[in-house]
Amino acid sequence: MKLQQGQLWKKNGEFLRIVECERLAVKYKALEHPFSKEGEMHQVTKKEFCRMIKDAKLLP
């Protein structure tokens, strides 16, 4: 699975939208609703993000 900007993941009732995907880092927003624009912005390494979404489901 290749990480891309704009992907939406669902994990434990929380939605994670990838805002920016760089070579070593990922910026994402943690959202309560899948189509809301308000959310908390986070930045982690790609490795950390992949560990976070291990049990998550990619939404279309």
N, C-alpha and C. Protein backbone atom coordinates (compact mmCIF):
# COMPACT_ATOMS: atom_id res chain seq x y z
N MET A 1 0.85 -1.18 0.00
CA MET A 1 0.00 0.00 0.00
C MET A 1 0.89 1.23 0.00
N LYS A 2 0.63 2.13 -0.93
CA LYS A 2 1.39 3.36 -1.02
C LYS A 2 0.58 4.50 -0.38
N LEU A 3 1.22 5.23 0.50
CA LEU A 3 0.56 6.37 1.14
C LEU A 3 0.49 7.52 0.15
N GLN A 4 -0.68 8.17 0.08
CA GLN A 4 -0.87 9.29 -0.82
C GLN A 4 -1.64 10.39 -0.12
N GLN A 5 -1.41 11.61 -0.59
CA GLN A 5 -2.11 12.75 -0.03
C GLN A 5 -3.60 12.61 -0.28
N GLY A 6 -4.40 12.89 0.72
CA GLY A 6 -5.85 12.84 0.60
C GLY A 6 -6.48 11.52 1.03
N GLN A 7 -5.68 10.51 1.34
CA GLN A 7 -6.24 9.24 1.79
C GLN A 7 -6.93 9.43 3.13
N LEU A 8 -8.02 8.70 3.32
CA LEU A 8 -8.80 8.78 4.56
C LEU A 8 -8.82 7.39 5.20
N TRP A 9 -8.36 7.32 6.43
CA TRP A 9 -8.30 6.06 7.18
C TRP A 9 -9.22 6.14 8.38
N LYS A 10 -9.86 5.02 8.72
CA LYS A 10 -10.73 4.96 9.90
C LYS A 10 -10.14 3.98 10.89
N LYS A 11 -9.95 4.46 12.12
CA LYS A 11 -9.40 3.62 13.18
C LYS A 11 -10.11 3.95 14.48
N ASN A 12 -10.77 2.97 15.06
CA ASN A 12 -11.44 3.11 16.36
C ASN A 12 -12.36 4.32 16.43
N GLY A 13 -13.15 4.55 15.40
CA GLY A 13 -14.11 5.66 15.41
C GLY A 13 -13.50 7.01 15.10
N GLU A 14 -12.22 7.06 14.81
CA GLU A 14 -11.53 8.30 14.48
C GLU A 14 -11.10 8.22 13.02
N PHE A 15 -11.11 9.35 12.35
CA PHE A 15 -10.71 9.40 10.95
C PHE A 15 -9.39 10.14 10.83
N LEU A 16 -8.49 9.60 10.02
CA LEU A 16 -7.18 10.20 9.80
C LEU A 16 -7.06 10.52 8.32
N ARG A 17 -6.88 11.79 7.99
CA ARG A 17 -6.73 12.21 6.60
C ARG A 17 -5.29 12.69 6.38
N ILE A 18 -4.62 12.11 5.38
CA ILE A 18 -3.25 12.51 5.06
C ILE A 18 -3.31 13.85 4.33
N VAL A 19 -2.65 14.85 4.92
CA VAL A 19 -2.64 16.19 4.34
C VAL A 19 -1.41 16.36 3.45
N GLU A 20 -0.27 15.89 3.92
CA GLU A 20 0.97 16.02 3.18
C GLU A 20 1.82 14.79 3.43
N CYS A 21 2.32 14.20 2.36
CA CYS A 21 3.13 13.00 2.48
C CYS A 21 4.50 13.28 1.86
N GLU A 22 5.51 13.34 2.68
CA GLU A 22 6.86 13.59 2.21
C GLU A 22 7.66 12.29 2.24
N ARG A 23 8.93 12.39 1.95
CA ARG A 23 9.77 11.20 1.89
C ARG A 23 9.87 10.49 3.24
N LEU A 24 10.06 11.24 4.31
CA LEU A 24 10.25 10.64 5.63
C LEU A 24 9.18 11.03 6.65
N ALA A 25 8.30 11.95 6.29
CA ALA A 25 7.32 12.44 7.26
C ALA A 25 5.92 12.47 6.65
N VAL A 26 4.93 12.40 7.54
CA VAL A 26 3.53 12.47 7.13
C VAL A 26 2.84 13.48 8.03
N LYS A 27 2.11 14.42 7.41
CA LYS A 27 1.26 15.34 8.15
C LYS A 27 -0.17 14.86 7.94
N TYR A 28 -0.91 14.72 9.04
CA TYR A 28 -2.28 14.25 8.95
C TYR A 28 -3.17 15.01 9.92
N LYS A 29 -4.47 14.94 9.66
CA LYS A 29 -5.48 15.53 10.54
C LYS A 29 -6.28 14.42 11.16
N ALA A 30 -6.52 14.54 12.45
CA ALA A 30 -7.39 13.62 13.18
C ALA A 30 -8.78 14.26 13.21
N LEU A 31 -9.76 13.59 12.60
CA LEU A 31 -11.10 14.15 12.45
C LEU A 31 -12.14 13.30 13.17
N GLU A 32 -13.22 13.95 13.60
CA GLU A 32 -14.33 13.23 14.21
C GLU A 32 -15.30 12.73 13.15
N HIS A 33 -15.47 13.50 12.08
CA HIS A 33 -16.38 13.15 10.99
C HIS A 33 -15.56 13.11 9.70
N PRO A 34 -15.84 12.18 8.81
CA PRO A 34 -15.00 11.99 7.63
C PRO A 34 -14.94 13.18 6.66
N PHE A 35 -15.99 14.00 6.61
CA PHE A 35 -16.01 15.09 5.63
C PHE A 35 -15.85 16.47 6.25
N SER A 36 -15.54 16.53 7.54
CA SER A 36 -15.33 17.83 8.17
C SER A 36 -13.91 18.30 7.88
N LYS A 37 -13.73 19.60 7.90
CA LYS A 37 -12.40 20.16 7.64
C LYS A 37 -11.71 20.54 8.93
N GLU A 38 -12.43 20.48 10.03
CA GLU A 38 -11.86 20.85 11.32
C GLU A 38 -11.27 19.61 11.97
N GLY A 39 -10.03 19.75 12.40
CA GLY A 39 -9.38 18.64 13.06
C GLY A 39 -8.02 19.06 13.58
N GLU A 40 -7.43 18.18 14.34
CA GLU A 40 -6.14 18.44 14.93
C GLU A 40 -5.04 17.97 13.99
N MET A 41 -4.09 18.86 13.67
CA MET A 41 -3.00 18.53 12.75
C MET A 41 -1.85 17.89 13.52
N HIS A 42 -1.29 16.83 12.96
CA HIS A 42 -0.17 16.13 13.57
C HIS A 42 0.90 15.88 12.51
N GLN A 43 2.15 15.74 12.95
CA GLN A 43 3.23 15.36 12.05
C GLN A 43 4.03 14.23 12.70
N VAL A 44 4.19 13.13 11.97
CA VAL A 44 4.93 11.97 12.46
C VAL A 44 5.79 11.43 11.31
N THR A 45 6.67 10.50 11.65
CA THR A 45 7.45 9.85 10.60
C THR A 45 6.55 8.85 9.88
N LYS A 46 6.97 8.46 8.68
CA LYS A 46 6.19 7.48 7.92
C LYS A 46 6.08 6.17 8.67
N LYS A 47 7.15 5.79 9.32
CA LYS A 47 7.16 4.52 10.07
C LYS A 47 6.12 4.56 11.19
N GLU A 48 6.07 5.67 11.94
CA GLU A 48 5.09 5.81 13.02
C GLU A 48 3.66 5.78 12.46
N PHE A 49 3.45 6.46 11.33
CA PHE A 49 2.11 6.51 10.75
C PHE A 49 1.67 5.12 10.29
N CYS A 50 2.57 4.38 9.69
CA CYS A 50 2.24 3.02 9.24
C CYS A 50 1.90 2.12 10.43
N ARG A 51 2.58 2.30 11.52
CA ARG A 51 2.25 1.54 12.73
C ARG A 51 0.87 1.92 13.26
N MET A 52 0.53 3.22 13.16
CA MET A 52 -0.77 3.69 13.64
C MET A 52 -1.91 3.10 12.82
N ILE A 53 -1.73 2.99 11.50
CA ILE A 53 -2.83 2.55 10.64
C ILE A 53 -2.80 1.05 10.38
N LYS A 54 -2.00 0.33 11.14
CA LYS A 54 -1.88 -1.11 10.94
C LYS A 54 -3.23 -1.81 10.99
N ASP A 55 -4.08 -1.44 11.94
CA ASP A 55 -5.40 -2.05 12.09
C ASP A 55 -6.52 -1.18 11.51
N ALA A 56 -6.15 -0.10 10.82
CA ALA A 56 -7.14 0.83 10.28
C ALA A 56 -7.64 0.36 8.93
N LYS A 57 -8.73 0.98 8.49
CA LYS A 57 -9.34 0.63 7.21
C LYS A 57 -9.30 1.85 6.29
N LEU A 58 -8.82 1.66 5.07
CA LEU A 58 -8.77 2.73 4.08
C LEU A 58 -10.17 2.91 3.49
N LEU A 59 -10.66 4.16 3.54
CA LEU A 59 -11.97 4.47 3.00
C LEU A 59 -11.83 4.98 1.57
N PRO A 60 -12.81 4.68 0.70
CA PRO A 60 -12.71 5.13 -0.70
C PRO A 60 -12.93 6.62 -0.85
